[in-house]
Amino acid sequence: QVQLVESGGGLVQPGGSLRLSCAASGTIFSINAMGWVRQAPGKERELAAAITRGGNTKYADSVKGRFTISRDNAKNTVYLQMNSLQPEDTAVYYCNAEVFTTSYRLNTYWGQGTQVTVSS
């Protein structure tokens, strides 16, 4: 009923920037929190950033000061601006959203993932 489609990943040199986008579509009553989770081989899954519908944000210590999460509620879209990228940021980035498909049915949906590679 709900799909999240990601875009914006790719290869970038250390110190560079990328912006990820994730758009939700389908049967949506409302969307509460949205976020970005990253997974690198051999590392723990990490919640990089999250944002409430009202715009309150939370960041992992590893990305504070470098990443910015934002959203456009009219477009059901969440963004992740990533600056000063370093090799340790290399991972698959998954967006997620807490979606009410009715006034009482809540579920968490995930995007397909997009690869971010930081290398010289």
N, C-alpha and C. Protein backbone atom coordinates (compact mmCIF):
# COMPACT_ATOMS: atom_id res chain seq x y z
N GLN A 1 0.81 -1.21 0.00
CA GLN A 1 0.00 0.00 0.00
C GLN A 1 0.85 1.27 0.00
N VAL A 2 2.03 1.20 0.59
CA VAL A 2 2.93 2.35 0.68
C VAL A 2 4.29 1.96 0.14
N GLN A 3 4.85 2.83 -0.67
CA GLN A 3 6.19 2.64 -1.21
C GLN A 3 7.05 3.86 -0.94
N LEU A 4 8.32 3.62 -0.62
CA LEU A 4 9.30 4.67 -0.45
C LEU A 4 10.38 4.47 -1.50
N VAL A 5 10.61 5.47 -2.32
CA VAL A 5 11.57 5.39 -3.41
C VAL A 5 12.70 6.37 -3.15
N GLU A 6 13.94 5.85 -3.09
CA GLU A 6 15.11 6.65 -2.79
C GLU A 6 15.88 7.00 -4.05
N SER A 7 16.62 8.09 -3.98
CA SER A 7 17.51 8.49 -5.05
C SER A 7 18.63 9.35 -4.48
N GLY A 8 19.70 9.52 -5.26
CA GLY A 8 20.75 10.45 -4.89
C GLY A 8 22.08 9.84 -4.47
N GLY A 9 22.14 8.53 -4.31
CA GLY A 9 23.39 7.90 -3.92
C GLY A 9 24.40 7.92 -5.05
N GLY A 10 25.64 7.55 -4.71
CA GLY A 10 26.68 7.51 -5.72
C GLY A 10 28.06 7.50 -5.12
N LEU A 11 29.05 7.76 -5.97
CA LEU A 11 30.46 7.80 -5.58
C LEU A 11 30.91 9.24 -5.44
N VAL A 12 31.58 9.54 -4.34
CA VAL A 12 32.07 10.89 -4.09
C VAL A 12 33.43 10.81 -3.40
N GLN A 13 34.27 11.81 -3.64
CA GLN A 13 35.58 11.86 -2.99
C GLN A 13 35.47 12.38 -1.57
N PRO A 14 36.43 12.04 -0.71
CA PRO A 14 36.41 12.59 0.66
C PRO A 14 36.32 14.10 0.64
N GLY A 15 35.48 14.63 1.53
CA GLY A 15 35.24 16.06 1.59
C GLY A 15 34.10 16.52 0.71
N GLY A 16 33.57 15.66 -0.13
CA GLY A 16 32.50 16.01 -1.02
C GLY A 16 31.13 15.94 -0.37
N SER A 17 30.10 16.18 -1.19
CA SER A 17 28.73 16.24 -0.70
C SER A 17 27.79 15.44 -1.60
N LEU A 18 26.72 14.95 -1.00
CA LEU A 18 25.62 14.30 -1.71
C LEU A 18 24.32 14.66 -1.02
N ARG A 19 23.22 14.64 -1.77
CA ARG A 19 21.91 14.81 -1.18
C ARG A 19 21.03 13.63 -1.57
N LEU A 20 20.52 12.94 -0.57
CA LEU A 20 19.61 11.82 -0.77
C LEU A 20 18.17 12.30 -0.66
N SER A 21 17.29 11.69 -1.45
CA SER A 21 15.87 12.00 -1.41
C SER A 21 15.08 10.71 -1.26
N CYS A 22 13.93 10.79 -0.61
CA CYS A 22 13.06 9.63 -0.44
C CYS A 22 11.62 10.11 -0.45
N ALA A 23 10.85 9.64 -1.42
CA ALA A 23 9.46 10.05 -1.58
C ALA A 23 8.52 8.89 -1.27
N ALA A 24 7.53 9.14 -0.43
CA ALA A 24 6.53 8.14 -0.08
C ALA A 24 5.28 8.34 -0.92
N SER A 25 4.67 7.23 -1.33
CA SER A 25 3.44 7.29 -2.10
C SER A 25 2.56 6.10 -1.76
N GLY A 26 1.28 6.19 -2.11
CA GLY A 26 0.34 5.12 -1.85
C GLY A 26 -0.78 5.57 -0.94
N THR A 27 -1.29 4.62 -0.15
CA THR A 27 -2.40 4.91 0.76
C THR A 27 -1.83 5.51 2.05
N ILE A 28 -1.89 6.83 2.14
CA ILE A 28 -1.29 7.56 3.26
C ILE A 28 -2.33 8.46 3.90
N PHE A 29 -2.58 8.23 5.19
CA PHE A 29 -3.42 9.12 5.96
C PHE A 29 -2.57 10.26 6.52
N SER A 30 -1.44 9.89 7.11
CA SER A 30 -0.47 10.87 7.59
C SER A 30 0.85 10.17 7.83
N ILE A 31 1.93 10.94 7.89
CA ILE A 31 3.25 10.41 8.17
C ILE A 31 3.80 11.10 9.40
N ASN A 32 4.21 10.31 10.37
CA ASN A 32 4.82 10.87 11.58
C ASN A 32 6.32 11.05 11.35
N ALA A 33 7.15 10.28 12.06
CA ALA A 33 8.59 10.44 11.92
C ALA A 33 9.10 9.81 10.62
N MET A 34 10.16 10.40 10.08
CA MET A 34 10.88 9.85 8.94
C MET A 34 12.37 9.85 9.30
N GLY A 35 13.13 8.97 8.68
CA GLY A 35 14.53 8.91 9.03
C GLY A 35 15.38 8.20 8.00
N TRP A 36 16.69 8.17 8.29
CA TRP A 36 17.67 7.50 7.46
C TRP A 36 18.52 6.58 8.32
N VAL A 37 18.55 5.31 7.95
CA VAL A 37 19.35 4.30 8.62
C VAL A 37 20.43 3.83 7.65
N ARG A 38 21.66 3.68 8.14
CA ARG A 38 22.72 3.21 7.25
C ARG A 38 23.32 1.91 7.75
N GLN A 39 23.76 1.09 6.78
CA GLN A 39 24.33 -0.21 7.06
C GLN A 39 25.61 -0.38 6.27
N ALA A 40 26.72 -0.53 6.96
CA ALA A 40 28.01 -0.79 6.34
C ALA A 40 28.45 -2.20 6.69
N PRO A 41 29.14 -2.90 5.78
CA PRO A 41 29.61 -4.25 6.07
C PRO A 41 30.48 -4.30 7.31
N GLY A 42 30.19 -5.24 8.20
CA GLY A 42 30.97 -5.40 9.41
C GLY A 42 30.68 -4.41 10.51
N LYS A 43 29.71 -3.54 10.32
CA LYS A 43 29.37 -2.54 11.32
C LYS A 43 27.92 -2.68 11.76
N GLU A 44 27.62 -2.12 12.92
CA GLU A 44 26.25 -2.10 13.41
C GLU A 44 25.39 -1.18 12.57
N ARG A 45 24.13 -1.55 12.42
CA ARG A 45 23.17 -0.67 11.79
C ARG A 45 23.06 0.60 12.63
N GLU A 46 23.00 1.74 11.98
CA GLU A 46 23.03 3.02 12.68
C GLU A 46 21.93 3.93 12.16
N LEU A 47 21.17 4.50 13.08
CA LEU A 47 20.21 5.54 12.72
C LEU A 47 20.99 6.84 12.55
N ALA A 48 21.16 7.26 11.31
CA ALA A 48 21.95 8.45 11.03
C ALA A 48 21.20 9.73 11.42
N ALA A 49 19.91 9.78 11.09
CA ALA A 49 19.13 10.99 11.34
C ALA A 49 17.65 10.66 11.32
N ALA A 50 16.87 11.44 12.06
CA ALA A 50 15.42 11.30 12.07
C ALA A 50 14.79 12.67 12.23
N ILE A 51 13.54 12.79 11.77
CA ILE A 51 12.84 14.06 11.84
C ILE A 51 11.36 13.81 12.06
N THR A 52 10.75 14.59 12.95
CA THR A 52 9.32 14.51 13.18
C THR A 52 8.58 15.33 12.14
N ARG A 53 7.24 15.16 12.10
CA ARG A 53 6.46 15.94 11.15
C ARG A 53 6.62 17.43 11.39
N GLY A 54 6.77 17.83 12.64
CA GLY A 54 6.93 19.23 12.97
C GLY A 54 8.32 19.79 12.77
N GLY A 55 9.29 18.93 12.44
CA GLY A 55 10.62 19.41 12.13
C GLY A 55 11.67 19.23 13.21
N ASN A 56 11.33 18.58 14.32
CA ASN A 56 12.35 18.28 15.32
C ASN A 56 13.28 17.19 14.79
N THR A 57 14.58 17.34 15.02
CA THR A 57 15.57 16.44 14.43
C THR A 57 16.42 15.75 15.48
N LYS A 58 16.99 14.61 15.08
CA LYS A 58 17.90 13.83 15.90
C LYS A 58 18.99 13.28 14.99
N TYR A 59 20.26 13.35 15.43
CA TYR A 59 21.37 12.87 14.65
C TYR A 59 22.26 11.95 15.46
N ALA A 60 22.84 10.96 14.78
CA ALA A 60 23.89 10.17 15.40
C ALA A 60 25.11 11.04 15.64
N ASP A 61 25.84 10.75 16.72
CA ASP A 61 27.03 11.54 17.02
C ASP A 61 28.03 11.53 15.86
N SER A 62 28.06 10.44 15.12
CA SER A 62 29.02 10.29 14.04
C SER A 62 28.77 11.22 12.85
N VAL A 63 27.56 11.79 12.76
CA VAL A 63 27.24 12.65 11.62
C VAL A 63 26.89 14.08 12.02
N LYS A 64 26.82 14.36 13.30
CA LYS A 64 26.45 15.71 13.76
C LYS A 64 27.41 16.76 13.21
N GLY A 65 26.83 17.84 12.74
CA GLY A 65 27.61 18.92 12.17
C GLY A 65 27.91 18.76 10.71
N ARG A 66 27.67 17.58 10.15
CA ARG A 66 27.96 17.32 8.74
C ARG A 66 26.71 17.00 7.93
N PHE A 67 25.74 16.32 8.53
CA PHE A 67 24.53 15.92 7.83
C PHE A 67 23.36 16.78 8.30
N THR A 68 22.41 17.02 7.40
CA THR A 68 21.19 17.74 7.72
C THR A 68 19.99 17.01 7.14
N ILE A 69 19.03 16.68 7.99
CA ILE A 69 17.81 16.03 7.53
C ILE A 69 16.70 17.08 7.45
N SER A 70 15.86 16.96 6.43
CA SER A 70 14.75 17.88 6.26
C SER A 70 13.61 17.13 5.57
N ARG A 71 12.43 17.76 5.52
CA ARG A 71 11.30 17.11 4.87
C ARG A 71 10.36 18.14 4.26
N ASP A 72 9.64 17.70 3.26
CA ASP A 72 8.61 18.50 2.62
C ASP A 72 7.31 17.72 2.79
N ASN A 73 6.49 18.14 3.74
CA ASN A 73 5.28 17.39 4.05
C ASN A 73 4.28 17.37 2.89
N ALA A 74 4.24 18.43 2.12
CA ALA A 74 3.33 18.48 0.98
C ALA A 74 3.69 17.45 -0.08
N LYS A 75 4.97 17.10 -0.15
CA LYS A 75 5.44 16.12 -1.13
C LYS A 75 5.70 14.74 -0.52
N ASN A 76 5.47 14.58 0.78
CA ASN A 76 5.75 13.32 1.47
C ASN A 76 7.18 12.86 1.21
N THR A 77 8.11 13.79 1.28
CA THR A 77 9.50 13.52 0.93
C THR A 77 10.44 13.93 2.05
N VAL A 78 11.45 13.10 2.29
CA VAL A 78 12.49 13.40 3.26
C VAL A 78 13.83 13.46 2.54
N TYR A 79 14.71 14.35 2.99
CA TYR A 79 16.01 14.55 2.38
C TYR A 79 17.12 14.37 3.40
N LEU A 80 18.29 14.01 2.92
CA LEU A 80 19.48 13.97 3.76
C LEU A 80 20.62 14.64 3.00
N GLN A 81 20.98 15.84 3.44
CA GLN A 81 22.12 16.54 2.88
C GLN A 81 23.37 16.10 3.62
N MET A 82 24.33 15.55 2.90
CA MET A 82 25.55 15.01 3.50
C MET A 82 26.75 15.81 3.01
N ASN A 83 27.40 16.50 3.93
CA ASN A 83 28.58 17.30 3.62
C ASN A 83 29.81 16.73 4.31
N SER A 84 30.97 17.15 3.87
CA SER A 84 32.25 16.71 4.45
C SER A 84 32.31 15.20 4.58
N LEU A 85 31.92 14.51 3.53
CA LEU A 85 31.85 13.05 3.57
C LEU A 85 33.23 12.43 3.73
N GLN A 86 33.29 11.36 4.51
CA GLN A 86 34.51 10.63 4.79
C GLN A 86 34.32 9.16 4.44
N PRO A 87 35.41 8.41 4.25
CA PRO A 87 35.29 7.00 3.90
C PRO A 87 34.42 6.20 4.87
N GLU A 88 34.43 6.55 6.15
CA GLU A 88 33.62 5.82 7.11
C GLU A 88 32.12 6.04 6.94
N ASP A 89 31.73 6.98 6.08
CA ASP A 89 30.32 7.18 5.76
C ASP A 89 29.83 6.22 4.68
N THR A 90 30.74 5.46 4.09
CA THR A 90 30.36 4.50 3.05
C THR A 90 29.40 3.46 3.62
N ALA A 91 28.23 3.33 3.00
CA ALA A 91 27.21 2.42 3.49
C ALA A 91 26.04 2.42 2.52
N VAL A 92 25.12 1.49 2.73
CA VAL A 92 23.82 1.55 2.09
C VAL A 92 22.91 2.35 3.00
N TYR A 93 22.25 3.35 2.46
CA TYR A 93 21.37 4.22 3.22
C TYR A 93 19.92 3.88 2.91
N TYR A 94 19.16 3.59 3.96
CA TYR A 94 17.75 3.25 3.83
C TYR A 94 16.90 4.34 4.48
N CYS A 95 15.90 4.82 3.78
CA CYS A 95 14.96 5.72 4.42
C CYS A 95 13.82 4.92 5.02
N ASN A 96 13.18 5.48 6.02
CA ASN A 96 12.02 4.84 6.62
C ASN A 96 11.03 5.90 7.06
N ALA A 97 9.77 5.46 7.20
CA ALA A 97 8.71 6.38 7.59
C ALA A 97 7.66 5.65 8.40
N GLU A 98 7.19 6.31 9.45
CA GLU A 98 6.06 5.81 10.23
C GLU A 98 4.80 6.37 9.60
N VAL A 99 3.98 5.47 9.02
CA VAL A 99 2.84 5.89 8.21
C VAL A 99 1.53 5.38 8.80
N PHE A 100 0.58 6.29 8.97
CA PHE A 100 -0.80 5.92 9.23
C PHE A 100 -1.49 5.75 7.89
N THR A 101 -1.92 4.52 7.56
CA THR A 101 -2.67 4.30 6.34
C THR A 101 -4.16 4.52 6.57
N THR A 102 -4.60 4.46 7.82
CA THR A 102 -5.91 4.90 8.27
C THR A 102 -5.69 5.68 9.55
N SER A 103 -6.77 6.13 10.19
CA SER A 103 -6.62 6.87 11.43
C SER A 103 -6.11 5.99 12.58
N TYR A 104 -6.13 4.65 12.41
CA TYR A 104 -5.75 3.76 13.49
C TYR A 104 -4.68 2.73 13.11
N ARG A 105 -4.31 2.62 11.83
CA ARG A 105 -3.35 1.61 11.39
C ARG A 105 -1.99 2.25 11.11
N LEU A 106 -1.01 1.90 11.94
CA LEU A 106 0.33 2.47 11.83
C LEU A 106 1.34 1.38 11.51
N ASN A 107 2.23 1.65 10.58
CA ASN A 107 3.30 0.73 10.24
C ASN A 107 4.53 1.52 9.81
N THR A 108 5.68 0.86 9.87
CA THR A 108 6.92 1.45 9.41
C THR A 108 7.28 0.87 8.05
N TYR A 109 7.57 1.74 7.10
CA TYR A 109 7.92 1.33 5.75
C TYR A 109 9.34 1.74 5.43
N TRP A 110 9.98 0.98 4.54
CA TRP A 110 11.38 1.16 4.21
C TRP A 110 11.59 1.34 2.72
N GLY A 111 12.55 2.17 2.38
CA GLY A 111 12.97 2.32 1.00
C GLY A 111 13.86 1.17 0.58
N GLN A 112 14.22 1.15 -0.70
CA GLN A 112 14.99 0.04 -1.25
C GLN A 112 16.48 0.13 -0.92
N GLY A 113 16.93 1.25 -0.44
CA GLY A 113 18.33 1.47 -0.13
C GLY A 113 19.07 2.09 -1.30
N THR A 114 20.02 2.96 -0.99
CA THR A 114 20.87 3.55 -2.01
C THR A 114 22.31 3.55 -1.52
N GLN A 115 23.23 3.16 -2.40
CA GLN A 115 24.64 3.02 -2.03
C GLN A 115 25.35 4.37 -2.06
N VAL A 116 26.04 4.68 -0.97
CA VAL A 116 26.91 5.85 -0.90
C VAL A 116 28.33 5.34 -0.69
N THR A 117 29.22 5.70 -1.60
CA THR A 117 30.62 5.29 -1.51
C THR A 117 31.50 6.52 -1.50
N VAL A 118 32.34 6.64 -0.48
CA VAL A 118 33.26 7.77 -0.33
C VAL A 118 34.67 7.23 -0.48
N SER A 119 35.33 7.59 -1.57
CA SER A 119 36.64 7.04 -1.86
C SER A 119 37.39 7.95 -2.81
N SER A 120 38.70 8.00 -2.65
CA SER A 120 39.55 8.76 -3.56
C SER A 120 40.10 7.88 -4.66
